[in-house]
Every structure is written in C-alpha cells, then in structure tokens.
C-alpha atoms as a PDB file:
ATOM      1  CA  UNK A   1     -19.514  17.567   4.579  1.00  0.00           C
ATOM      2  CA  UNK A   2     -17.875  20.962   4.054  1.00  0.00           C
ATOM      3  CA  UNK A   3     -14.831  21.471   6.256  1.00  0.00           C
ATOM      4  CA  UNK A   4     -15.122  24.222   8.861  1.00  0.00           C
ATOM      5  CA  UNK A   5     -13.212  27.156   7.466  1.00  0.00           C
ATOM      6  CA  UNK A   6     -12.565  30.899   7.373  1.00  0.00           C
ATOM      7  CA  UNK A   7     -12.006  33.093   4.333  1.00  0.00           C
ATOM      8  CA  UNK A   8     -10.513  36.563   4.003  1.00  0.00           C
ATOM      9  CA  UNK A   9      -9.359  38.818   1.179  1.00  0.00           C
ATOM     10  CA  UNK A  10     -10.424  39.174  -2.437  1.00  0.00           C
ATOM     11  CA  UNK A  11      -7.214  38.856  -4.428  1.00  0.00           C
ATOM     12  CA  UNK A  12      -6.918  36.942  -7.723  1.00  0.00           C
ATOM     13  CA  UNK A  13      -4.785  34.262  -6.111  1.00  0.00           C
ATOM     14  CA  UNK A  14      -6.325  31.885  -3.560  1.00  0.00           C
ATOM     15  CA  UNK A  15      -4.085  30.573  -0.776  1.00  0.00           C
ATOM     16  CA  UNK A  16      -5.278  27.594   1.283  1.00  0.00           C
ATOM     17  CA  UNK A  17      -3.654  27.047   4.688  1.00  0.00           C
ATOM     18  CA  UNK A  18      -3.561  23.414   5.878  1.00  0.00           C
ATOM     19  CA  UNK A  19      -2.674  22.813   9.504  1.00  0.00           C
ATOM     20  CA  UNK A  20      -0.342  20.425  11.273  1.00  0.00           C
ATOM     21  CA  UNK A  21      -1.546  17.193  12.867  1.00  0.00           C
ATOM     22  CA  UNK A  22      -1.091  18.655  16.353  1.00  0.00           C
ATOM     23  CA  UNK A  23      -2.973  21.828  15.466  1.00  0.00           C
ATOM     24  CA  UNK A  24      -6.062  23.140  13.730  1.00  0.00           C
ATOM     25  CA  UNK A  25      -6.763  26.252  11.684  1.00  0.00           C
ATOM     26  CA  UNK A  26      -5.964  28.485  14.664  1.00  0.00           C
ATOM     27  CA  UNK A  27      -2.267  27.816  14.070  1.00  0.00           C
ATOM     28  CA  UNK A  28      -2.409  30.313  11.185  1.00  0.00           C
ATOM     29  CA  UNK A  29      -3.499  33.286  13.320  1.00  0.00           C
ATOM     30  CA  UNK A  30      -0.160  34.972  12.628  1.00  0.00           C
ATOM     31  CA  UNK A  31      -0.479  34.712   8.839  1.00  0.00           C
ATOM     32  CA  UNK A  32      -4.165  34.437   7.890  1.00  0.00           C
ATOM     33  CA  UNK A  33      -5.330  38.060   7.902  1.00  0.00           C
ATOM     34  CA  UNK A  34      -1.901  39.398   6.992  1.00  0.00           C
ATOM     35  CA  UNK A  35      -1.844  37.346   3.775  1.00  0.00           C
ATOM     36  CA  UNK A  36      -5.313  38.672   2.942  1.00  0.00           C
ATOM     37  CA  UNK A  37      -4.116  42.218   3.601  1.00  0.00           C
ATOM     38  CA  UNK A  38      -1.222  41.543   1.196  1.00  0.00           C
ATOM     39  CA  UNK A  39      -3.694  40.979  -1.644  1.00  0.00           C
ATOM     40  CA  UNK A  40      -4.560  37.295  -1.531  1.00  0.00           C
ATOM     41  CA  UNK A  41      -7.821  35.449  -1.081  1.00  0.00           C
ATOM     42  CA  UNK A  42      -7.023  33.238   1.916  1.00  0.00           C
ATOM     43  CA  UNK A  43      -8.778  30.121   3.182  1.00  0.00           C
ATOM     44  CA  UNK A  44      -7.931  28.188   6.323  1.00  0.00           C
ATOM     45  CA  UNK A  45      -9.801  25.056   7.309  1.00  0.00           C
ATOM     46  CA  UNK A  46     -10.054  22.377   9.970  1.00  0.00           C
ATOM     47  CA  UNK A  47      -9.472  18.943   8.466  1.00  0.00           C
ATOM     48  CA  UNK A  48     -11.728  16.156   9.725  1.00  0.00           C
ATOM     49  CA  UNK A  49     -10.946  15.317  13.324  1.00  0.00           C
ATOM     50  CA  UNK A  50      -9.547  18.751  14.145  1.00  0.00           C
ATOM     51  CA  UNK A  51     -10.925  22.010  15.524  1.00  0.00           C
ATOM     52  CA  UNK A  52     -14.565  22.386  14.527  1.00  0.00           C
ATOM     53  CA  UNK A  53     -14.745  19.549  11.974  1.00  0.00           C
ATOM     54  CA  UNK A  54     -15.855  16.186  13.399  1.00  0.00           C
ATOM     55  CA  UNK A  55     -15.238  12.758  11.903  1.00  0.00           C
ATOM     56  CA  UNK A  56     -18.540  11.295  10.740  1.00  0.00           C
ATOM     57  CA  UNK A  57     -17.657   8.948   7.880  1.00  0.00           C
ATOM     58  CA  UNK A  58     -14.773   7.298   6.034  1.00  0.00           C
ATOM     59  CA  UNK A  59     -12.857  10.011   4.211  1.00  0.00           C
ATOM     60  CA  UNK A  60      -9.792  11.072   2.268  1.00  0.00           C
ATOM     61  CA  UNK A  61      -8.420  14.398   3.469  1.00  0.00           C
ATOM     62  CA  UNK A  62      -7.308  15.439  -0.027  1.00  0.00           C
ATOM     63  CA  UNK A  63     -10.818  14.879  -1.364  1.00  0.00           C
ATOM     64  CA  UNK A  64     -12.240  16.972   1.480  1.00  0.00           C
ATOM     65  CA  UNK A  65      -9.939  19.832   0.462  1.00  0.00           C
ATOM     66  CA  UNK A  66     -10.989  19.428  -3.182  1.00  0.00           C
ATOM     67  CA  UNK A  67     -14.635  19.557  -2.102  1.00  0.00           C
ATOM     68  CA  UNK A  68     -13.965  22.729  -0.116  1.00  0.00           C
ATOM     69  CA  UNK A  69     -12.392  24.345  -3.188  1.00  0.00           C
ATOM     70  CA  UNK A  70     -15.464  23.351  -5.188  1.00  0.00           C
ATOM     71  CA  UNK A  71     -17.803  24.817  -2.577  1.00  0.00           C
ATOM     72  CA  UNK A  72     -15.887  28.100  -2.644  1.00  0.00           C
ATOM     73  CA  UNK A  73     -15.742  28.226  -6.437  1.00  0.00           C
ATOM     74  CA  UNK A  74     -11.956  28.005  -6.499  1.00  0.00           C
ATOM     75  CA  UNK A  75     -10.480  26.290  -9.552  1.00  0.00           C
ATOM     76  CA  UNK A  76      -6.815  26.480  -8.566  1.00  0.00           C
ATOM     77  CA  UNK A  77      -5.061  27.428  -5.334  1.00  0.00           C
ATOM     78  CA  UNK A  78      -1.672  27.707  -3.715  1.00  0.00           C
ATOM     79  CA  UNK A  79      -1.593  25.125  -0.930  1.00  0.00           C
ATOM     80  CA  UNK A  80       0.407  25.948   2.197  1.00  0.00           C
ATOM     81  CA  UNK A  81       0.799  22.905   4.422  1.00  0.00           C
ATOM     82  CA  UNK A  82       2.424  22.520   7.827  1.00  0.00           C
ATOM     83  CA  UNK A  83       3.602  18.993   8.734  1.00  0.00           C
ATOM     84  CA  UNK A  84       0.553  16.747   8.199  1.00  0.00           C
ATOM     85  CA  UNK A  85      -1.018  19.591   6.228  1.00  0.00           C
ATOM     86  CA  UNK A  86       1.942  19.370   3.866  1.00  0.00           C
ATOM     87  CA  UNK A  87       1.231  15.706   3.318  1.00  0.00           C
ATOM     88  CA  UNK A  88      -2.391  16.530   2.542  1.00  0.00           C
ATOM     89  CA  UNK A  89      -1.309  19.294   0.151  1.00  0.00           C
ATOM     90  CA  UNK A  90       0.861  16.832  -1.774  1.00  0.00           C
ATOM     91  CA  UNK A  91      -2.020  14.350  -1.858  1.00  0.00           C
ATOM     92  CA  UNK A  92      -4.250  17.041  -3.387  1.00  0.00           C
ATOM     93  CA  UNK A  93      -1.622  17.838  -6.007  1.00  0.00           C
ATOM     94  CA  UNK A  94      -1.414  14.154  -6.991  1.00  0.00           C
ATOM     95  CA  UNK A  95      -5.076  13.129  -6.732  1.00  0.00           C
ATOM     96  CA  UNK A  96      -6.546  16.266  -8.307  1.00  0.00           C
ATOM     97  CA  UNK A  97      -4.154  17.514 -10.992  1.00  0.00           C
ATOM     98  CA  UNK A  98      -4.751  21.060 -12.104  1.00  0.00           C
ATOM     99  CA  UNK A  99      -6.206  22.235  -8.787  1.00  0.00           C
ATOM    100  CA  UNK A 100      -2.836  23.240  -7.299  1.00  0.00           C
ATOM    101  CA  UNK A 101      -0.953  26.352  -8.494  1.00  0.00           C
ATOM    102  CA  UNK A 102       1.985  25.965  -6.114  1.00  0.00           C
ATOM    103  CA  UNK A 103       2.992  24.302  -2.844  1.00  0.00           C
ATOM    104  CA  UNK A 104       4.573  25.742   0.293  1.00  0.00           C
ATOM    105  CA  UNK A 105       5.533  22.820   2.530  1.00  0.00           C
ATOM    106  CA  UNK A 106       6.573  23.702   6.078  1.00  0.00           C
ATOM    107  CA  UNK A 107       8.274  20.735   7.777  1.00  0.00           C
ATOM    108  CA  UNK A 108       5.971  18.480   5.769  1.00  0.00           C
ATOM    109  CA  UNK A 109       5.130  14.895   6.556  1.00  0.00           C
ATOM    110  CA  UNK A 110       5.623  12.315   3.827  1.00  0.00           C
ATOM    111  CA  UNK A 111       2.719  11.011   1.742  1.00  0.00           C
ATOM    112  CA  UNK A 112       5.004   8.132   0.759  1.00  0.00           C
ATOM    113  CA  UNK A 113       6.326   5.439   3.068  1.00  0.00           C
ATOM    114  CA  UNK A 114       8.822   6.626   5.685  1.00  0.00           C
ATOM    115  CA  UNK A 115      10.528   4.487   8.309  1.00  0.00           C
ATOM    116  CA  UNK A 116      10.521   6.429  11.602  1.00  0.00           C
ATOM    117  CA  UNK A 117      13.852   7.008  13.309  1.00  0.00           C
ATOM    118  CA  UNK A 118      14.603   6.191  16.984  1.00  0.00           C
ATOM    119  CA  UNK A 119      13.308   9.499  18.415  1.00  0.00           C
ATOM    120  CA  UNK A 120      10.029   9.321  16.555  1.00  0.00           C
ATOM    121  CA  UNK A 121       9.534   5.617  17.348  1.00  0.00           C
ATOM    122  CA  UNK A 122      10.083   6.321  21.052  1.00  0.00           C
ATOM    123  CA  UNK A 123       7.567   9.169  20.883  1.00  0.00           C
ATOM    124  CA  UNK A 124       4.893   7.007  19.242  1.00  0.00           C
ATOM    125  CA  UNK A 125       5.459   4.235  21.795  1.00  0.00           C
ATOM    126  CA  UNK A 126       5.159   6.634  24.732  1.00  0.00           C
ATOM    127  CA  UNK A 127       2.136   8.430  23.279  1.00  0.00           C
ATOM    128  CA  UNK A 128       0.386   5.131  22.622  1.00  0.00           C
ATOM    129  CA  UNK A 129       1.019   3.938  26.159  1.00  0.00           C
ATOM    130  CA  UNK A 130      -0.337   7.153  27.669  1.00  0.00           C
ATOM    131  CA  UNK A 131      -3.473   7.070  25.527  1.00  0.00           C
ATOM    132  CA  UNK A 132      -4.011   3.394  26.304  1.00  0.00           C
ATOM    133  CA  UNK A 133      -3.837   4.296  29.997  1.00  0.00           C
ATOM    134  CA  UNK A 134      -6.378   7.084  29.459  1.00  0.00           C
ATOM    135  CA  UNK A 135      -3.906   9.861  30.328  1.00  0.00           C
ATOM    136  CA  UNK A 136      -4.837  12.276  27.568  1.00  0.00           C
ATOM    137  CA  UNK A 137      -3.367  15.256  29.404  1.00  0.00           C
ATOM    138  CA  UNK A 138       0.065  13.633  29.587  1.00  0.00           C
ATOM    139  CA  UNK A 139      -0.136  12.604  25.924  1.00  0.00           C
ATOM    140  CA  UNK A 140      -1.008  16.193  25.021  1.00  0.00           C
ATOM    141  CA  UNK A 141       1.937  17.547  27.009  1.00  0.00           C
ATOM    142  CA  UNK A 142       4.224  15.006  25.339  1.00  0.00           C
ATOM    143  CA  UNK A 143       3.218  16.357  21.933  1.00  0.00           C
ATOM    144  CA  UNK A 144       3.782  19.966  22.972  1.00  0.00           C
ATOM    145  CA  UNK A 145       7.272  19.151  24.226  1.00  0.00           C
ATOM    146  CA  UNK A 146       8.286  17.354  21.033  1.00  0.00           C
ATOM    147  CA  UNK A 147       6.768  19.559  18.366  1.00  0.00           C
ATOM    148  CA  UNK A 148       7.308  23.065  19.752  1.00  0.00           C
ATOM    149  CA  UNK A 149      10.774  24.343  18.864  1.00  0.00           C
ATOM    150  CA  UNK A 150      13.045  26.464  21.058  1.00  0.00           C
ATOM    151  CA  UNK A 151      11.522  29.733  19.817  1.00  0.00           C
ATOM    152  CA  UNK A 152       7.957  28.747  20.705  1.00  0.00           C
ATOM    153  CA  UNK A 153       6.913  31.031  23.544  1.00  0.00           C
ATOM    154  CA  UNK A 154       4.365  30.333  26.312  1.00  0.00           C
ATOM    155  CA  UNK A 155       1.404  31.531  24.204  1.00  0.00           C
ATOM    156  CA  UNK A 156       2.355  29.317  21.267  1.00  0.00           C
ATOM    157  CA  UNK A 157       2.844  26.301  23.524  1.00  0.00           C
ATOM    158  CA  UNK A 158      -0.505  26.920  25.218  1.00  0.00           C
ATOM    159  CA  UNK A 159      -2.234  27.132  21.842  1.00  0.00           C
ATOM    160  CA  UNK A 160      -0.630  23.885  20.625  1.00  0.00           C
ATOM    161  CA  UNK A 161      -1.746  22.246  23.878  1.00  0.00           C
ATOM    162  CA  UNK A 162      -5.337  23.388  23.336  1.00  0.00           C
ATOM    163  CA  UNK A 163      -5.382  22.328  19.677  1.00  0.00           C
ATOM    164  CA  UNK A 164      -3.852  18.908  20.320  1.00  0.00           C
ATOM    165  CA  UNK A 165      -6.211  18.310  23.260  1.00  0.00           C
ATOM    166  CA  UNK A 166      -9.154  19.124  20.984  1.00  0.00           C
ATOM    167  CA  UNK A 167      -7.868  16.738  18.319  1.00  0.00           C
ATOM    168  CA  UNK A 168      -7.689  13.911  20.851  1.00  0.00           C
ATOM    169  CA  UNK A 169     -11.253  14.665  21.971  1.00  0.00           C
ATOM    170  CA  UNK A 170     -12.494  14.352  18.403  1.00  0.00           C
ATOM    171  CA  UNK A 171     -10.341  11.464  17.222  1.00  0.00           C
ATOM    172  CA  UNK A 172     -10.133   9.008  20.108  1.00  0.00           C
ATOM    173  CA  UNK A 173     -13.830   7.983  19.974  1.00  0.00           C
ATOM    174  CA  UNK A 174     -13.831   7.525  16.173  1.00  0.00           C
ATOM    175  CA  UNK A 175     -14.560   3.930  15.068  1.00  0.00           C
ATOM    176  CA  UNK A 176     -11.931   2.359  12.850  1.00  0.00           C
ATOM    177  CA  UNK A 177     -14.240   2.261   9.835  1.00  0.00           C
ATOM    178  CA  UNK A 178     -14.515   6.072   9.888  1.00  0.00           C
ATOM    179  CA  UNK A 179     -10.792   6.767   9.933  1.00  0.00           C
ATOM    180  CA  UNK A 180      -9.008   8.501   7.059  1.00  0.00           C
ATOM    181  CA  UNK A 181      -8.238   6.316   4.062  1.00  0.00           C
ATOM    182  CA  UNK A 182      -4.620   6.000   2.838  1.00  0.00           C
ATOM    183  CA  UNK A 183      -3.708   8.063  -0.190  1.00  0.00           C
ATOM    184  CA  UNK A 184      -1.535   5.513  -1.991  1.00  0.00           C
ATOM    185  CA  UNK A 185       0.822   8.232  -3.292  1.00  0.00           C
ATOM    186  CA  UNK A 186       4.136   6.972  -4.704  1.00  0.00           C
ATOM    187  CA  UNK A 187       7.496   8.576  -5.394  1.00  0.00           C
ATOM    188  CA  UNK A 188       6.702   8.490  -9.101  1.00  0.00           C
ATOM    189  CA  UNK A 189       3.503  10.428  -8.375  1.00  0.00           C
ATOM    190  CA  UNK A 190       5.535  13.139  -6.621  1.00  0.00           C
ATOM    191  CA  UNK A 191       7.963  13.355  -9.531  1.00  0.00           C
ATOM    192  CA  UNK A 192       4.948  14.270 -11.637  1.00  0.00           C
ATOM    193  CA  UNK A 193       4.030  17.274  -9.439  1.00  0.00           C
ATOM    194  CA  UNK A 194       5.590  20.035 -11.522  1.00  0.00           C
ATOM    195  CA  UNK A 195       4.209  23.156  -9.807  1.00  0.00           C
ATOM    196  CA  UNK A 196       6.607  25.444  -7.902  1.00  0.00           C
ATOM    197  CA  UNK A 197       7.260  24.053  -4.421  1.00  0.00           C
ATOM    198  CA  UNK A 198       8.850  25.717  -1.410  1.00  0.00           C
ATOM    199  CA  UNK A 199      10.236  22.954   0.832  1.00  0.00           C
ATOM    200  CA  UNK A 200      11.018  24.293   4.309  1.00  0.00           C
ATOM    201  CA  UNK A 201      12.849  22.411   7.047  1.00  0.00           C
ATOM    202  CA  UNK A 202      13.774  23.440  10.581  1.00  0.00           C
ATOM    203  CA  UNK A 203      17.259  22.918  11.972  1.00  0.00           C
ATOM    204  CA  UNK A 204      15.773  22.050  15.389  1.00  0.00           C
ATOM    205  CA  UNK A 205      13.072  19.719  14.061  1.00  0.00           C
ATOM    206  CA  UNK A 206      12.922  15.976  14.643  1.00  0.00           C
ATOM    207  CA  UNK A 207      15.522  14.400  12.288  1.00  0.00           C
ATOM    208  CA  UNK A 208      12.801  12.509  10.387  1.00  0.00           C
ATOM    209  CA  UNK A 209      11.259  15.705   9.073  1.00  0.00           C
ATOM    210  CA  UNK A 210      14.579  17.124   7.963  1.00  0.00           C
ATOM    211  CA  UNK A 211      15.164  13.880   6.065  1.00  0.00           C
ATOM    212  CA  UNK A 212      11.661  14.018   4.567  1.00  0.00           C
ATOM    213  CA  UNK A 213      12.286  17.597   3.428  1.00  0.00           C
ATOM    214  CA  UNK A 214      15.500  16.550   1.698  1.00  0.00           C
ATOM    215  CA  UNK A 215      13.657  13.671   0.055  1.00  0.00           C
ATOM    216  CA  UNK A 216      10.816  15.890  -1.172  1.00  0.00           C
ATOM    217  CA  UNK A 217      13.260  18.468  -2.502  1.00  0.00           C
ATOM    218  CA  UNK A 218      14.857  15.714  -4.566  1.00  0.00           C
ATOM    219  CA  UNK A 219      11.570  14.327  -5.871  1.00  0.00           C
ATOM    220  CA  UNK A 220       9.605  17.457  -6.747  1.00  0.00           C
ATOM    221  CA  UNK A 221      10.858  18.820 -10.094  1.00  0.00           C
ATOM    222  CA  UNK A 222      10.451  22.521  -9.243  1.00  0.00           C
ATOM    223  CA  UNK A 223      11.397  22.495  -5.570  1.00  0.00           C
ATOM    224  CA  UNK A 224      13.201  25.264  -3.694  1.00  0.00           C
ATOM    225  CA  UNK A 225      14.583  23.937  -0.398  1.00  0.00           C
ATOM    226  CA  UNK A 226      14.998  26.340   2.546  1.00  0.00           C
ATOM    227  CA  UNK A 227      16.346  25.426   5.977  1.00  0.00           C
ATOM    228  CA  UNK A 228      15.420  27.766   8.822  1.00  0.00           C
ATOM    229  CA  UNK A 229      18.264  27.802  11.323  1.00  0.00           C
ATOM    230  CA  UNK A 230      15.959  28.869  14.159  1.00  0.00           C
ATOM    231  CA  UNK A 231      12.961  26.620  13.513  1.00  0.00           C
ATOM    232  CA  UNK A 232      11.653  23.516  15.147  1.00  0.00           C
ATOM    233  CA  UNK A 233       8.618  21.729  13.706  1.00  0.00           C
ATOM    234  CA  UNK A 234       6.092  24.570  13.721  1.00  0.00           C
ATOM    235  CA  UNK A 235       7.734  27.709  12.305  1.00  0.00           C
ATOM    236  CA  UNK A 236       4.367  29.439  11.731  1.00  0.00           C
ATOM    237  CA  UNK A 237       3.866  29.473  15.502  1.00  0.00           C
ATOM    238  CA  UNK A 238       7.485  29.819  16.587  1.00  0.00           C
ATOM    239  CA  UNK A 239       8.254  32.967  14.577  1.00  0.00           C
ATOM    240  CA  UNK A 240       4.995  34.068  12.940  1.00  0.00           C
ATOM    241  CA  UNK A 241       6.311  37.249  11.303  1.00  0.00           C
ATOM    242  CA  UNK A 242       9.364  35.565   9.758  1.00  0.00           C
ATOM    243  CA  UNK A 243       7.180  32.748   8.447  1.00  0.00           C
ATOM    244  CA  UNK A 244       4.777  35.322   7.005  1.00  0.00           C
ATOM    245  CA  UNK A 245       7.662  37.056   5.220  1.00  0.00           C
ATOM    246  CA  UNK A 246       8.847  33.721   3.815  1.00  0.00           C
ATOM    247  CA  UNK A 247       5.379  32.881   2.482  1.00  0.00           C
ATOM    248  CA  UNK A 248       4.785  36.380   1.121  1.00  0.00           C
ATOM    249  CA  UNK A 249       8.042  36.240  -0.816  1.00  0.00           C
ATOM    250  CA  UNK A 250       7.228  32.828  -2.231  1.00  0.00           C
ATOM    251  CA  UNK A 251       3.721  33.905  -3.257  1.00  0.00           C
ATOM    252  CA  UNK A 252       5.089  36.978  -5.007  1.00  0.00           C
ATOM    253  CA  UNK A 253       7.312  34.708  -7.083  1.00  0.00           C
ATOM    254  CA  UNK A 254       4.423  32.412  -7.971  1.00  0.00           C
ATOM    255  CA  UNK A 255       2.370  35.298  -9.364  1.00  0.00           C
ATOM    256  CA  UNK A 256      -1.242  35.208 -10.487  1.00  0.00           C
ATOM    257  CA  UNK A 257      -3.005  31.960 -11.478  1.00  0.00           C
ATOM    258  CA  UNK A 258      -2.720  32.877 -15.165  1.00  0.00           C
ATOM    259  CA  UNK A 259       1.009  33.482 -14.851  1.00  0.00           C
ATOM    260  CA  UNK A 260       1.478  30.240 -12.936  1.00  0.00           C
ATOM    261  CA  UNK A 261      -0.361  28.338 -15.653  1.00  0.00           C
ATOM    262  CA  UNK A 262       1.694  29.902 -18.410  1.00  0.00           C
END
C-alpha cells in the first residue's frame, strides 16, 4: 500500500510532514504550500488509520514512510513530525539509516518506553471508558480539549475534531492482528541518530511531552532544543505562521542534501 499523500514544489530538498496522532495530513495546511513556495519539495501523507489511508494489514509506520519515499524516488528527506509523527520520524531514522537528512520534532512522542504521568493516565482512562461505552463524540471532544493549546482558535479546534473523529472511524473496527507493530527502538538507537534535529516543546503542553522533549534533546547528538512559550501540543495549528517561520529557519540551516551529507 502507498500512503495517501500530496506533493508540492520542486526544490532539491524533500521535506516530509508527518502528522500527530489526533490529526491527519490536513494539519499541515498552514505550512504545506508555503514550504513548497520557499523552494522545497514537500510531501505530506496520511499514516495508516488516518485521513484517507485505511488499515488493511499488519504494518510498521516507519516502513510505510520508507515505502512512500521509494515510490516518490526520494533517497533522503528532512522529516518533520508532530507528536506521534515525531515518533514515526525517529523510527524511520533508526530503522532506515541514510534516508533521513534532518529531523524537526514538534512536541514529539517517544519511540522508547515512557511512563505516563497522572494527567496523561487520567486522560487514557477516561478516553477508554468513553470508547468502551460507544460515545465516540465525547471521546473526540476529550481529545480536542486536551491537545489544543490556548492559542488554538475555533477553526483549529474544529479541524482537530474532524481529524480525530475520522481516525476513530478508521481505527476502532481494526482487528488486533492488523494493528501497528512496535518499533523496538532503544535509547542507544537514538544516540546513533546523528543528523541535525530540532526538538520543539510547548510551555502549555501536557508535562509528559515536555519531559520527552528534554529526554530527546539529551539523547540525540545534534539536537537543538526550542521551547515555545505560547504553544500547547499542536503548534502547527495553534500559530501556523510562527511554526512555518521556525521550520523555514531550520531548513535553511540544514541546507541541500549534498551539504547535509558532507
């Protein structure tokens, strides 16, 4: 299966946008075309179980991204990952060395074991109870309230609601044998990821993700940590233009694929 995706731009550097676990590729509406206009070849995709990509078999998300790069003829790309997309980006960097030119991790989830804190445990318990009761609408609203930061306006919240509702529609009927396979990434694996990495955290995010950002910044050898004082968990949706400026600046520092390799 080839992941549902969009492409734009013809620049020498390919940028792949990987969405959050409460979103799909629509979350990048504020950055997708603008990055192409800035001179990059840009790809955004729906991972399996999100947007327009169904779940039809056992899978590893990182391998799906590798297969998409192959289908597009892309040898090496900058991976930009939001939350769960950040976890997938790190998995790609570990599982498929040489395919990643750089990483921009926005409030990334951890590909290594993380013990959830009280707020996140309470959220998972409540979400599970609502889904068990068949109240998908309430579970969707619960996600919107937790993951949208204080600067997320009505349009952003409505979009997150629609994307999370779609994810539930695709994922809830999936049999266990078709679910995503664990990556098995270790801390030592992450220490071996030597490409430039922008590690972004939000001051208003759930404490777990701030802690994960600090942990990643300590593990990745070429990490540049940035805390956004205004951000919650989804900066690309909360302040699209400021997130675009952050990514554009990082990409300018990464340079062309040849420069990154040298």
